[in-house]
Amino acid sequence: MEYFDDIRNLEKLEREINELNRYAVEIGIFGSDDSFYQMIASVHEFGMQIRAKNKYLAIPTKEAGTKRPRDFEGLFKPKGKNVLALADGNGGIKVMFILKESVNIPERSFIRSTFDANERDWASFIEDQIEKVLSLEITARQLFERLGALIVGEIQKKMTDLKRPGLSPLTKENRRHGGDNPLIDSGELRRHVTWKVVRDDGF
């Protein structure tokens, strides 16, 4: 009976070793999950300059909230000022939008920088997990699931800890949930960082 158990274990070990070459883990924000957050992640990861298609970009102030210029009646540009405003009824104005020719969003890498900082530790983790596969404690797929969870946890920690480059005063003022972490407002961007274990069946 012990002989047959050994045969079965050898067959299982051979399968798991073959599976190690078939699996991979993908990390990031997937367009199939939410293309909006994929775009936001890309902007922060690499930085971007946004230029106006016409003359100006209209950057909303806290007074405008999430609305656009076309949502307001009576909006006007005061002479000599690069703003769009409404009359406040007392002879003054209420600034609703700041007009800019371009906006620079600085690079705030949280994916590439996490890989650069943790690559060696992850390699050691993989070596330890391979030993567990070879001793039949875990499967090849479980190794990649554990690796995905580890990497995503490190990326999310990086997002939580990141403070520089900081937010512009206008962006900070307009935040829905407050705080000065440039990558975390509602927490949705961080939540969308995830992993997928994929298998190549050779077809």
N, C-alpha and C. Protein backbone atom coordinates (compact mmCIF):
# COMPACT_ATOMS: atom_id res chain seq x y z
N MET A 1 0.83 -1.21 0.00
CA MET A 1 0.00 0.00 0.00
C MET A 1 0.87 1.26 0.00
N GLU A 2 1.94 1.20 0.81
CA GLU A 2 2.85 2.35 0.87
C GLU A 2 3.50 2.59 -0.49
N TYR A 3 3.76 1.47 -1.21
CA TYR A 3 4.35 1.58 -2.55
C TYR A 3 3.43 2.37 -3.49
N PHE A 4 2.13 2.05 -3.44
CA PHE A 4 1.17 2.75 -4.31
C PHE A 4 1.02 4.21 -3.91
N ASP A 5 1.10 4.49 -2.61
CA ASP A 5 1.05 5.88 -2.15
C ASP A 5 2.24 6.66 -2.71
N ASP A 6 3.41 6.01 -2.71
CA ASP A 6 4.60 6.67 -3.25
C ASP A 6 4.44 6.95 -4.74
N ILE A 7 3.86 5.99 -5.46
CA ILE A 7 3.64 6.17 -6.90
C ILE A 7 2.68 7.34 -7.14
N ARG A 8 1.60 7.37 -6.36
CA ARG A 8 0.63 8.46 -6.52
C ARG A 8 1.26 9.81 -6.21
N ASN A 9 2.08 9.86 -5.17
CA ASN A 9 2.73 11.12 -4.80
C ASN A 9 3.72 11.58 -5.89
N LEU A 10 4.42 10.60 -6.48
CA LEU A 10 5.34 10.95 -7.57
C LEU A 10 4.59 11.49 -8.78
N GLU A 11 3.45 10.88 -9.08
CA GLU A 11 2.63 11.36 -10.20
C GLU A 11 2.09 12.76 -9.91
N LYS A 12 1.66 12.97 -8.66
CA LYS A 12 1.14 14.29 -8.27
C LYS A 12 2.26 15.33 -8.33
N LEU A 13 3.45 14.97 -7.87
CA LEU A 13 4.58 15.88 -7.90
C LEU A 13 4.93 16.26 -9.33
N GLU A 14 4.92 15.27 -10.23
CA GLU A 14 5.22 15.54 -11.64
C GLU A 14 4.20 16.50 -12.23
N ARG A 15 2.92 16.32 -11.89
CA ARG A 15 1.87 17.22 -12.39
C ARG A 15 2.10 18.65 -11.90
N GLU A 16 2.41 18.78 -10.62
CA GLU A 16 2.58 20.12 -10.04
C GLU A 16 3.81 20.81 -10.62
N ILE A 17 4.88 20.07 -10.87
CA ILE A 17 6.07 20.66 -11.48
C ILE A 17 5.74 21.17 -12.88
N ASN A 18 4.98 20.37 -13.63
CA ASN A 18 4.55 20.82 -14.96
C ASN A 18 3.65 22.04 -14.87
N GLU A 19 2.80 22.09 -13.84
CA GLU A 19 1.90 23.22 -13.66
C GLU A 19 2.65 24.52 -13.36
N LEU A 20 3.79 24.40 -12.70
CA LEU A 20 4.59 25.60 -12.40
C LEU A 20 4.95 26.35 -13.68
N ASN A 21 5.15 25.64 -14.75
CA ASN A 21 5.51 26.27 -16.02
C ASN A 21 4.30 26.80 -16.79
N ARG A 22 3.12 26.42 -16.36
CA ARG A 22 1.92 26.83 -17.08
C ARG A 22 1.24 28.05 -16.47
N TYR A 23 1.49 28.28 -15.20
CA TYR A 23 0.81 29.38 -14.53
C TYR A 23 1.64 30.66 -14.54
N ALA A 24 0.95 31.78 -14.49
CA ALA A 24 1.57 33.10 -14.31
C ALA A 24 0.59 33.96 -13.53
N VAL A 25 1.09 35.02 -12.95
CA VAL A 25 0.21 35.94 -12.22
C VAL A 25 0.30 37.31 -12.86
N GLU A 26 -0.85 37.92 -13.12
CA GLU A 26 -0.91 39.27 -13.68
C GLU A 26 -1.36 40.22 -12.57
N ILE A 27 -0.67 41.35 -12.48
CA ILE A 27 -0.92 42.32 -11.41
C ILE A 27 -1.30 43.65 -12.02
N GLY A 28 -2.26 44.33 -11.45
CA GLY A 28 -2.58 45.69 -11.90
C GLY A 28 -4.04 46.03 -11.76
N ILE A 29 -4.45 47.01 -12.55
CA ILE A 29 -5.85 47.43 -12.62
C ILE A 29 -6.32 47.07 -14.01
N PHE A 30 -7.26 46.16 -14.11
CA PHE A 30 -7.62 45.57 -15.39
C PHE A 30 -8.76 46.35 -16.04
N GLY A 31 -8.60 46.63 -17.34
CA GLY A 31 -9.62 47.36 -18.08
C GLY A 31 -10.95 46.64 -18.08
N SER A 32 -10.91 45.31 -18.03
CA SER A 32 -12.16 44.55 -17.99
C SER A 32 -12.91 44.77 -16.69
N ASP A 33 -12.17 45.16 -15.63
CA ASP A 33 -12.82 45.45 -14.35
C ASP A 33 -13.35 46.88 -14.31
N ASP A 34 -12.53 47.83 -14.75
CA ASP A 34 -12.95 49.23 -14.75
C ASP A 34 -11.93 50.06 -15.51
N SER A 35 -12.25 50.42 -16.75
CA SER A 35 -11.30 51.15 -17.59
C SER A 35 -11.01 52.55 -17.05
N PHE A 36 -11.97 53.15 -16.31
CA PHE A 36 -11.74 54.48 -15.75
C PHE A 36 -10.57 54.45 -14.76
N TYR A 37 -10.58 53.49 -13.84
CA TYR A 37 -9.50 53.41 -12.85
C TYR A 37 -8.19 52.95 -13.48
N GLN A 38 -8.26 52.21 -14.55
CA GLN A 38 -7.05 51.86 -15.28
C GLN A 38 -6.41 53.12 -15.85
N MET A 39 -7.23 54.01 -16.38
CA MET A 39 -6.72 55.27 -16.93
C MET A 39 -6.12 56.14 -15.82
N ILE A 40 -6.82 56.25 -14.68
CA ILE A 40 -6.33 57.05 -13.56
C ILE A 40 -4.99 56.50 -13.07
N ALA A 41 -4.89 55.18 -12.97
CA ALA A 41 -3.65 54.55 -12.52
C ALA A 41 -2.51 54.87 -13.47
N SER A 42 -2.77 54.82 -14.77
CA SER A 42 -1.73 55.09 -15.76
C SER A 42 -1.24 56.54 -15.66
N VAL A 43 -2.16 57.47 -15.45
CA VAL A 43 -1.79 58.88 -15.32
C VAL A 43 -0.86 59.07 -14.13
N HIS A 44 -1.20 58.47 -12.98
CA HIS A 44 -0.35 58.62 -11.79
C HIS A 44 0.98 57.88 -11.95
N GLU A 45 0.93 56.71 -12.56
CA GLU A 45 2.13 55.88 -12.67
C GLU A 45 3.21 56.55 -13.52
N PHE A 46 2.79 57.22 -14.60
CA PHE A 46 3.77 57.79 -15.53
C PHE A 46 3.76 59.32 -15.58
N GLY A 47 2.74 59.95 -14.97
CA GLY A 47 2.60 61.40 -15.09
C GLY A 47 2.03 61.77 -16.45
N MET A 48 1.51 62.98 -16.54
CA MET A 48 0.91 63.40 -17.82
C MET A 48 0.73 64.91 -17.84
N GLN A 49 0.87 65.47 -19.03
CA GLN A 49 0.49 66.86 -19.24
C GLN A 49 -0.81 66.87 -20.05
N ILE A 50 -1.83 67.52 -19.50
CA ILE A 50 -3.11 67.61 -20.18
C ILE A 50 -3.23 69.01 -20.76
N ARG A 51 -3.39 69.10 -22.09
CA ARG A 51 -3.51 70.40 -22.76
C ARG A 51 -4.95 70.63 -23.20
N ALA A 52 -5.33 71.87 -23.20
CA ALA A 52 -6.69 72.23 -23.63
C ALA A 52 -6.88 71.94 -25.10
N LYS A 53 -8.03 71.38 -25.46
CA LYS A 53 -8.34 71.15 -26.88
C LYS A 53 -8.65 72.47 -27.58
N ASN A 54 -9.32 73.35 -26.87
CA ASN A 54 -9.58 74.69 -27.42
C ASN A 54 -8.58 75.66 -26.80
N LYS A 55 -9.05 76.61 -26.02
CA LYS A 55 -8.11 77.57 -25.45
C LYS A 55 -7.74 77.24 -24.02
N TYR A 56 -8.75 76.85 -23.22
CA TYR A 56 -8.52 76.62 -21.80
C TYR A 56 -9.14 75.32 -21.32
N LEU A 57 -8.52 74.78 -20.28
CA LEU A 57 -9.16 73.75 -19.47
C LEU A 57 -9.91 74.47 -18.35
N ALA A 58 -11.11 74.02 -18.04
CA ALA A 58 -11.88 74.62 -16.95
C ALA A 58 -11.78 73.71 -15.73
N ILE A 59 -10.99 74.12 -14.75
CA ILE A 59 -10.78 73.32 -13.54
C ILE A 59 -11.80 73.75 -12.49
N PRO A 60 -12.68 72.85 -12.07
CA PRO A 60 -13.74 73.25 -11.12
C PRO A 60 -13.17 73.60 -9.74
N THR A 61 -13.75 74.62 -9.13
CA THR A 61 -13.46 74.91 -7.73
C THR A 61 -14.45 74.12 -6.87
N LYS A 62 -14.31 74.27 -5.57
CA LYS A 62 -15.24 73.56 -4.68
C LYS A 62 -16.67 74.01 -4.91
N GLU A 63 -16.85 75.26 -5.32
CA GLU A 63 -18.19 75.80 -5.57
C GLU A 63 -18.87 75.07 -6.72
N ALA A 64 -18.09 74.64 -7.71
CA ALA A 64 -18.66 73.96 -8.88
C ALA A 64 -18.88 72.48 -8.63
N GLY A 65 -18.11 71.91 -7.70
CA GLY A 65 -18.26 70.49 -7.41
C GLY A 65 -17.91 69.64 -8.61
N THR A 66 -18.80 68.74 -8.97
CA THR A 66 -18.56 67.84 -10.11
C THR A 66 -19.22 68.34 -11.39
N LYS A 67 -19.79 69.55 -11.35
CA LYS A 67 -20.48 70.07 -12.53
C LYS A 67 -19.50 70.65 -13.55
N ARG A 68 -20.02 70.85 -14.76
CA ARG A 68 -19.23 71.42 -15.85
C ARG A 68 -19.74 72.82 -16.16
N PRO A 69 -18.94 73.62 -16.91
CA PRO A 69 -19.39 74.99 -17.22
C PRO A 69 -20.77 75.05 -17.86
N ARG A 70 -21.08 74.10 -18.73
CA ARG A 70 -22.38 74.14 -19.40
C ARG A 70 -23.56 73.90 -18.45
N ASP A 71 -23.26 73.45 -17.24
CA ASP A 71 -24.33 73.20 -16.27
C ASP A 71 -24.79 74.48 -15.57
N PHE A 72 -24.10 75.60 -15.83
CA PHE A 72 -24.41 76.85 -15.14
C PHE A 72 -24.91 77.90 -16.12
N GLU A 73 -25.96 78.58 -15.75
CA GLU A 73 -26.43 79.75 -16.51
C GLU A 73 -25.80 81.00 -15.93
N GLY A 74 -25.46 81.93 -16.79
CA GLY A 74 -24.90 83.20 -16.32
C GLY A 74 -23.41 83.16 -16.02
N LEU A 75 -22.75 82.09 -16.41
CA LEU A 75 -21.31 81.98 -16.18
C LEU A 75 -20.58 82.95 -17.11
N PHE A 76 -19.61 83.68 -16.60
CA PHE A 76 -18.87 84.62 -17.43
C PHE A 76 -17.41 84.68 -17.02
N LYS A 77 -16.58 85.23 -17.91
CA LYS A 77 -15.15 85.39 -17.65
C LYS A 77 -14.87 86.85 -17.34
N PRO A 78 -14.56 87.18 -16.08
CA PRO A 78 -14.26 88.57 -15.72
C PRO A 78 -13.04 89.07 -16.49
N LYS A 79 -13.08 90.31 -16.89
CA LYS A 79 -11.99 90.90 -17.68
C LYS A 79 -10.67 90.81 -16.92
N GLY A 80 -9.66 90.30 -17.61
CA GLY A 80 -8.31 90.23 -17.04
C GLY A 80 -8.09 89.07 -16.08
N LYS A 81 -9.08 88.21 -15.92
CA LYS A 81 -8.94 87.09 -14.99
C LYS A 81 -9.17 85.77 -15.73
N ASN A 82 -8.36 84.79 -15.46
CA ASN A 82 -8.52 83.48 -16.07
C ASN A 82 -9.38 82.58 -15.20
N VAL A 83 -10.63 83.02 -15.02
CA VAL A 83 -11.60 82.25 -14.26
C VAL A 83 -12.96 82.37 -14.94
N LEU A 84 -13.84 81.45 -14.60
CA LEU A 84 -15.25 81.57 -14.95
C LEU A 84 -16.00 81.75 -13.64
N ALA A 85 -16.92 82.72 -13.64
CA ALA A 85 -17.56 83.08 -12.38
C ALA A 85 -19.05 83.32 -12.56
N LEU A 86 -19.73 83.39 -11.43
CA LEU A 86 -21.13 83.79 -11.38
C LEU A 86 -21.24 85.02 -10.51
N ALA A 87 -22.19 85.89 -10.83
CA ALA A 87 -22.45 87.04 -9.95
C ALA A 87 -23.04 86.52 -8.65
N ASP A 88 -22.57 87.05 -7.52
CA ASP A 88 -23.05 86.55 -6.23
C ASP A 88 -24.28 87.29 -5.71
N GLY A 89 -24.77 88.30 -6.47
CA GLY A 89 -25.97 89.03 -6.05
C GLY A 89 -25.68 90.21 -5.15
N ASN A 90 -24.40 90.36 -4.74
CA ASN A 90 -24.02 91.48 -3.87
C ASN A 90 -22.96 92.35 -4.51
N GLY A 91 -22.91 92.31 -5.83
CA GLY A 91 -21.92 93.12 -6.54
C GLY A 91 -20.58 92.44 -6.69
N GLY A 92 -20.46 91.25 -6.17
CA GLY A 92 -19.20 90.50 -6.28
C GLY A 92 -19.37 89.30 -7.19
N ILE A 93 -18.37 88.46 -7.19
CA ILE A 93 -18.42 87.25 -8.04
C ILE A 93 -18.08 86.02 -7.20
N LYS A 94 -18.55 84.90 -7.71
CA LYS A 94 -18.23 83.61 -7.10
C LYS A 94 -17.48 82.80 -8.16
N VAL A 95 -16.20 82.52 -7.90
CA VAL A 95 -15.37 81.81 -8.87
C VAL A 95 -15.79 80.34 -8.90
N MET A 96 -16.13 79.87 -10.09
CA MET A 96 -16.59 78.49 -10.26
C MET A 96 -15.55 77.60 -10.93
N PHE A 97 -14.76 78.20 -11.84
CA PHE A 97 -13.75 77.43 -12.57
C PHE A 97 -12.48 78.26 -12.73
N ILE A 98 -11.34 77.59 -12.63
CA ILE A 98 -10.05 78.19 -12.94
C ILE A 98 -9.70 77.79 -14.37
N LEU A 99 -9.28 78.74 -15.20
CA LEU A 99 -8.94 78.45 -16.59
C LEU A 99 -7.43 78.31 -16.75
N LYS A 100 -7.03 77.18 -17.33
CA LYS A 100 -5.61 76.92 -17.55
C LYS A 100 -5.40 76.37 -18.95
N GLU A 101 -4.27 76.72 -19.56
CA GLU A 101 -3.95 76.18 -20.88
C GLU A 101 -3.53 74.72 -20.80
N SER A 102 -2.92 74.34 -19.68
CA SER A 102 -2.51 72.95 -19.49
C SER A 102 -2.39 72.65 -18.00
N VAL A 103 -2.42 71.37 -17.69
CA VAL A 103 -2.25 70.92 -16.31
C VAL A 103 -1.21 69.80 -16.31
N ASN A 104 -0.23 69.90 -15.43
CA ASN A 104 0.80 68.86 -15.31
C ASN A 104 0.50 67.98 -14.10
N ILE A 105 0.32 66.70 -14.34
CA ILE A 105 0.14 65.74 -13.26
C ILE A 105 1.47 65.00 -13.10
N PRO A 106 2.13 65.15 -11.95
CA PRO A 106 3.46 64.55 -11.79
C PRO A 106 3.40 63.02 -11.70
N GLU A 107 4.51 62.40 -12.02
CA GLU A 107 4.60 60.95 -11.88
C GLU A 107 4.56 60.57 -10.40
N ARG A 108 3.67 59.63 -10.07
CA ARG A 108 3.59 59.08 -8.72
C ARG A 108 3.55 57.55 -8.85
N SER A 109 4.66 56.99 -9.26
CA SER A 109 4.70 55.55 -9.52
C SER A 109 4.42 54.77 -8.25
N PHE A 110 3.47 53.86 -8.33
CA PHE A 110 3.19 52.98 -7.19
C PHE A 110 3.27 51.51 -7.58
N ILE A 111 3.28 51.22 -8.88
CA ILE A 111 3.41 49.82 -9.33
C ILE A 111 4.88 49.51 -9.63
N ARG A 112 5.48 50.26 -10.58
CA ARG A 112 6.87 50.01 -10.93
C ARG A 112 7.80 50.18 -9.73
N SER A 113 7.55 51.23 -8.94
CA SER A 113 8.44 51.49 -7.79
C SER A 113 8.33 50.39 -6.74
N THR A 114 7.14 49.81 -6.60
CA THR A 114 6.98 48.69 -5.65
C THR A 114 7.73 47.47 -6.13
N PHE A 115 7.66 47.20 -7.44
CA PHE A 115 8.42 46.07 -8.00
C PHE A 115 9.92 46.29 -7.80
N ASP A 116 10.39 47.49 -8.07
CA ASP A 116 11.82 47.78 -7.92
C ASP A 116 12.29 47.55 -6.48
N ALA A 117 11.45 47.94 -5.51
CA ALA A 117 11.84 47.87 -4.10
C ALA A 117 11.74 46.46 -3.53
N ASN A 118 10.90 45.61 -4.11
CA ASN A 118 10.60 44.32 -3.48
C ASN A 118 10.99 43.09 -4.30
N GLU A 119 11.60 43.31 -5.46
CA GLU A 119 11.87 42.20 -6.38
C GLU A 119 12.66 41.07 -5.72
N ARG A 120 13.69 41.41 -4.96
CA ARG A 120 14.52 40.38 -4.32
C ARG A 120 13.73 39.61 -3.26
N ASP A 121 12.96 40.33 -2.46
CA ASP A 121 12.16 39.66 -1.42
C ASP A 121 11.15 38.72 -2.05
N TRP A 122 10.56 39.13 -3.17
CA TRP A 122 9.58 38.27 -3.84
C TRP A 122 10.24 37.04 -4.42
N ALA A 123 11.47 37.17 -4.91
CA ALA A 123 12.20 36.02 -5.43
C ALA A 123 12.44 35.00 -4.32
N SER A 124 12.80 35.50 -3.12
CA SER A 124 13.00 34.60 -1.97
C SER A 124 11.68 33.93 -1.58
N PHE A 125 10.60 34.69 -1.64
CA PHE A 125 9.29 34.13 -1.33
C PHE A 125 8.94 33.00 -2.30
N ILE A 126 9.20 33.21 -3.58
CA ILE A 126 8.91 32.19 -4.60
C ILE A 126 9.73 30.93 -4.33
N GLU A 127 11.00 31.09 -3.97
CA GLU A 127 11.84 29.93 -3.67
C GLU A 127 11.25 29.12 -2.51
N ASP A 128 10.83 29.82 -1.46
CA ASP A 128 10.22 29.14 -0.30
C ASP A 128 8.95 28.41 -0.70
N GLN A 129 8.14 29.06 -1.54
CA GLN A 129 6.87 28.46 -1.95
C GLN A 129 7.09 27.26 -2.88
N ILE A 130 8.12 27.32 -3.71
CA ILE A 130 8.43 26.18 -4.58
C ILE A 130 8.78 24.95 -3.74
N GLU A 131 9.49 25.17 -2.63
CA GLU A 131 9.80 24.05 -1.73
C GLU A 131 8.53 23.43 -1.19
N LYS A 132 7.53 24.26 -0.91
CA LYS A 132 6.25 23.74 -0.43
C LYS A 132 5.52 22.95 -1.51
N VAL A 133 5.65 23.41 -2.76
CA VAL A 133 5.06 22.66 -3.87
C VAL A 133 5.75 21.31 -4.00
N LEU A 134 7.07 21.29 -3.92
CA LEU A 134 7.84 20.04 -4.09
C LEU A 134 7.57 19.06 -2.95
N SER A 135 7.19 19.58 -1.79
CA SER A 135 6.84 18.69 -0.68
C SER A 135 5.34 18.39 -0.64
N LEU A 136 4.62 18.87 -1.69
CA LEU A 136 3.18 18.65 -1.87
C LEU A 136 2.33 19.26 -0.74
N GLU A 137 2.86 20.35 -0.13
CA GLU A 137 2.09 21.08 0.88
C GLU A 137 1.06 22.00 0.22
N ILE A 138 1.43 22.56 -0.94
CA ILE A 138 0.53 23.42 -1.69
C ILE A 138 0.61 23.05 -3.17
N THR A 139 -0.36 23.56 -3.95
CA THR A 139 -0.33 23.33 -5.39
C THR A 139 0.38 24.48 -6.09
N ALA A 140 0.69 24.26 -7.35
CA ALA A 140 1.32 25.32 -8.15
C ALA A 140 0.41 26.54 -8.23
N ARG A 141 -0.88 26.32 -8.41
CA ARG A 141 -1.81 27.44 -8.48
C ARG A 141 -1.81 28.23 -7.16
N GLN A 142 -1.79 27.52 -6.04
CA GLN A 142 -1.77 28.21 -4.75
C GLN A 142 -0.52 29.07 -4.60
N LEU A 143 0.60 28.60 -5.14
CA LEU A 143 1.82 29.42 -5.11
C LEU A 143 1.57 30.76 -5.78
N PHE A 144 0.97 30.73 -6.97
CA PHE A 144 0.76 31.98 -7.71
C PHE A 144 -0.33 32.84 -7.07
N GLU A 145 -1.32 32.22 -6.45
CA GLU A 145 -2.34 32.99 -5.72
C GLU A 145 -1.70 33.72 -4.55
N ARG A 146 -0.83 33.02 -3.84
CA ARG A 146 -0.14 33.64 -2.70
C ARG A 146 0.77 34.77 -3.16
N LEU A 147 1.46 34.54 -4.27
CA LEU A 147 2.35 35.58 -4.81
C LEU A 147 1.54 36.81 -5.23
N GLY A 148 0.41 36.59 -5.90
CA GLY A 148 -0.43 37.71 -6.30
C GLY A 148 -0.91 38.52 -5.11
N ALA A 149 -1.37 37.82 -4.07
CA ALA A 149 -1.85 38.51 -2.86
C ALA A 149 -0.72 39.31 -2.20
N LEU A 150 0.48 38.73 -2.17
CA LEU A 150 1.62 39.42 -1.57
C LEU A 150 1.96 40.70 -2.32
N ILE A 151 2.05 40.60 -3.65
CA ILE A 151 2.43 41.76 -4.46
C ILE A 151 1.38 42.86 -4.37
N VAL A 152 0.11 42.48 -4.48
CA VAL A 152 -0.97 43.48 -4.40
C VAL A 152 -0.95 44.16 -3.03
N GLY A 153 -0.71 43.40 -1.98
CA GLY A 153 -0.63 44.00 -0.64
C GLY A 153 0.48 45.03 -0.55
N GLU A 154 1.63 44.74 -1.16
CA GLU A 154 2.75 45.69 -1.14
C GLU A 154 2.43 46.93 -1.95
N ILE A 155 1.78 46.75 -3.10
CA ILE A 155 1.40 47.91 -3.93
C ILE A 155 0.41 48.80 -3.17
N GLN A 156 -0.58 48.19 -2.54
CA GLN A 156 -1.57 48.97 -1.80
C GLN A 156 -0.94 49.69 -0.61
N LYS A 157 0.04 49.05 0.02
CA LYS A 157 0.76 49.72 1.12
C LYS A 157 1.52 50.93 0.60
N LYS A 158 2.16 50.76 -0.58
CA LYS A 158 2.88 51.88 -1.19
C LYS A 158 1.93 53.04 -1.46
N MET A 159 0.73 52.73 -1.97
CA MET A 159 -0.26 53.77 -2.25
C MET A 159 -0.66 54.49 -0.96
N THR A 160 -0.82 53.73 0.12
CA THR A 160 -1.22 54.31 1.40
C THR A 160 -0.14 55.22 1.97
N ASP A 161 1.12 54.80 1.80
CA ASP A 161 2.25 55.54 2.40
C ASP A 161 2.74 56.71 1.56
N LEU A 162 2.39 56.74 0.25
CA LEU A 162 2.94 57.75 -0.64
C LEU A 162 2.45 59.16 -0.28
N LYS A 163 3.38 60.08 -0.18
CA LYS A 163 3.02 61.47 0.16
C LYS A 163 3.54 62.49 -0.87
N ARG A 164 4.54 62.13 -1.64
CA ARG A 164 5.16 63.06 -2.58
C ARG A 164 5.19 62.46 -3.99
N PRO A 165 5.04 63.30 -5.03
CA PRO A 165 4.69 64.72 -5.00
C PRO A 165 3.28 64.94 -4.44
N GLY A 166 3.16 66.00 -3.67
CA GLY A 166 1.89 66.29 -3.03
C GLY A 166 0.85 66.86 -3.99
N LEU A 167 -0.35 67.04 -3.46
CA LEU A 167 -1.45 67.60 -4.24
C LEU A 167 -1.33 69.11 -4.36
N SER A 168 -1.85 69.65 -5.44
CA SER A 168 -1.93 71.10 -5.56
C SER A 168 -2.99 71.60 -4.57
N PRO A 169 -2.89 72.85 -4.11
CA PRO A 169 -3.89 73.38 -3.17
C PRO A 169 -5.32 73.27 -3.69
N LEU A 170 -5.52 73.51 -5.00
CA LEU A 170 -6.87 73.44 -5.57
C LEU A 170 -7.41 72.01 -5.53
N THR A 171 -6.56 71.05 -5.89
CA THR A 171 -6.99 69.65 -5.86
C THR A 171 -7.33 69.22 -4.44
N LYS A 172 -6.50 69.62 -3.49
CA LYS A 172 -6.75 69.26 -2.09
C LYS A 172 -8.07 69.85 -1.61
N GLU A 173 -8.32 71.09 -2.00
CA GLU A 173 -9.57 71.76 -1.59
C GLU A 173 -10.79 71.08 -2.18
N ASN A 174 -10.65 70.54 -3.39
CA ASN A 174 -11.79 69.94 -4.08
C ASN A 174 -12.04 68.48 -3.74
N ARG A 175 -11.21 67.89 -2.93
CA ARG A 175 -11.35 66.46 -2.64
C ARG A 175 -12.66 66.17 -1.93
N ARG A 176 -13.28 65.08 -2.34
CA ARG A 176 -14.56 64.69 -1.74
C ARG A 176 -14.40 64.17 -0.31
N HIS A 177 -13.30 63.44 -0.06
CA HIS A 177 -13.15 62.79 1.23
C HIS A 177 -12.02 63.38 2.08
N GLY A 178 -11.41 64.46 1.59
CA GLY A 178 -10.36 65.10 2.37
C GLY A 178 -9.07 64.30 2.35
N GLY A 179 -8.13 64.71 3.18
CA GLY A 179 -6.84 64.02 3.23
C GLY A 179 -5.89 64.55 2.18
N ASP A 180 -4.59 64.30 2.40
CA ASP A 180 -3.59 64.83 1.46
C ASP A 180 -2.82 63.73 0.75
N ASN A 181 -3.26 62.47 0.88
CA ASN A 181 -2.61 61.40 0.13
C ASN A 181 -2.99 61.54 -1.34
N PRO A 182 -2.00 61.72 -2.23
CA PRO A 182 -2.34 61.99 -3.65
C PRO A 182 -2.98 60.82 -4.37
N LEU A 183 -2.84 59.59 -3.85
CA LEU A 183 -3.39 58.42 -4.54
C LEU A 183 -4.67 57.90 -3.91
N ILE A 184 -5.03 58.45 -2.76
CA ILE A 184 -6.21 57.90 -2.07
C ILE A 184 -7.16 59.03 -1.71
N ASP A 185 -8.34 58.99 -2.31
CA ASP A 185 -9.43 59.89 -1.95
C ASP A 185 -10.57 59.04 -1.39
N SER A 186 -11.31 58.41 -2.26
CA SER A 186 -12.37 57.49 -1.82
C SER A 186 -11.83 56.10 -1.49
N GLY A 187 -10.62 55.79 -1.97
CA GLY A 187 -10.05 54.46 -1.77
C GLY A 187 -10.34 53.51 -2.92
N GLU A 188 -11.10 53.97 -3.93
CA GLU A 188 -11.47 53.09 -5.03
C GLU A 188 -10.28 52.69 -5.90
N LEU A 189 -9.35 53.61 -6.13
CA LEU A 189 -8.19 53.28 -6.95
C LEU A 189 -7.40 52.15 -6.30
N ARG A 190 -7.15 52.27 -5.01
CA ARG A 190 -6.42 51.22 -4.29
C ARG A 190 -7.18 49.90 -4.32
N ARG A 191 -8.50 49.97 -4.16
CA ARG A 191 -9.30 48.75 -4.15
C ARG A 191 -9.25 48.03 -5.49
N HIS A 192 -9.09 48.78 -6.58
CA HIS A 192 -9.08 48.17 -7.91
C HIS A 192 -7.75 47.50 -8.27
N VAL A 193 -6.72 47.69 -7.45
CA VAL A 193 -5.46 46.98 -7.70
C VAL A 193 -5.68 45.52 -7.30
N THR A 194 -5.49 44.62 -8.22
CA THR A 194 -5.76 43.21 -7.92
C THR A 194 -4.85 42.31 -8.75
N TRP A 195 -5.09 41.01 -8.67
CA TRP A 195 -4.27 40.05 -9.42
C TRP A 195 -5.15 39.00 -10.05
N LYS A 196 -4.60 38.38 -11.09
CA LYS A 196 -5.26 37.25 -11.76
C LYS A 196 -4.22 36.16 -11.99
N VAL A 197 -4.55 34.95 -11.63
CA VAL A 197 -3.70 33.82 -11.96
C VAL A 197 -4.19 33.27 -13.30
N VAL A 198 -3.29 33.22 -14.27
CA VAL A 198 -3.65 32.74 -15.61
C VAL A 198 -2.89 31.47 -15.92
N ARG A 199 -3.51 30.63 -16.73
CA ARG A 199 -2.92 29.33 -17.06
C ARG A 199 -2.80 29.19 -18.56
N ASP A 200 -1.65 28.80 -19.02
CA ASP A 200 -1.41 28.57 -20.45
C ASP A 200 -1.54 27.07 -20.71
N ASP A 201 -2.60 26.70 -21.41
CA ASP A 201 -2.82 25.29 -21.73
C ASP A 201 -2.16 24.87 -23.03
N GLY A 202 -1.43 25.81 -23.64
CA GLY A 202 -0.67 25.46 -24.83
C GLY A 202 -1.50 25.36 -26.10
N PHE A 203 -2.70 25.96 -26.08
CA PHE A 203 -3.55 25.89 -27.29
C PHE A 203 -3.24 27.07 -28.20
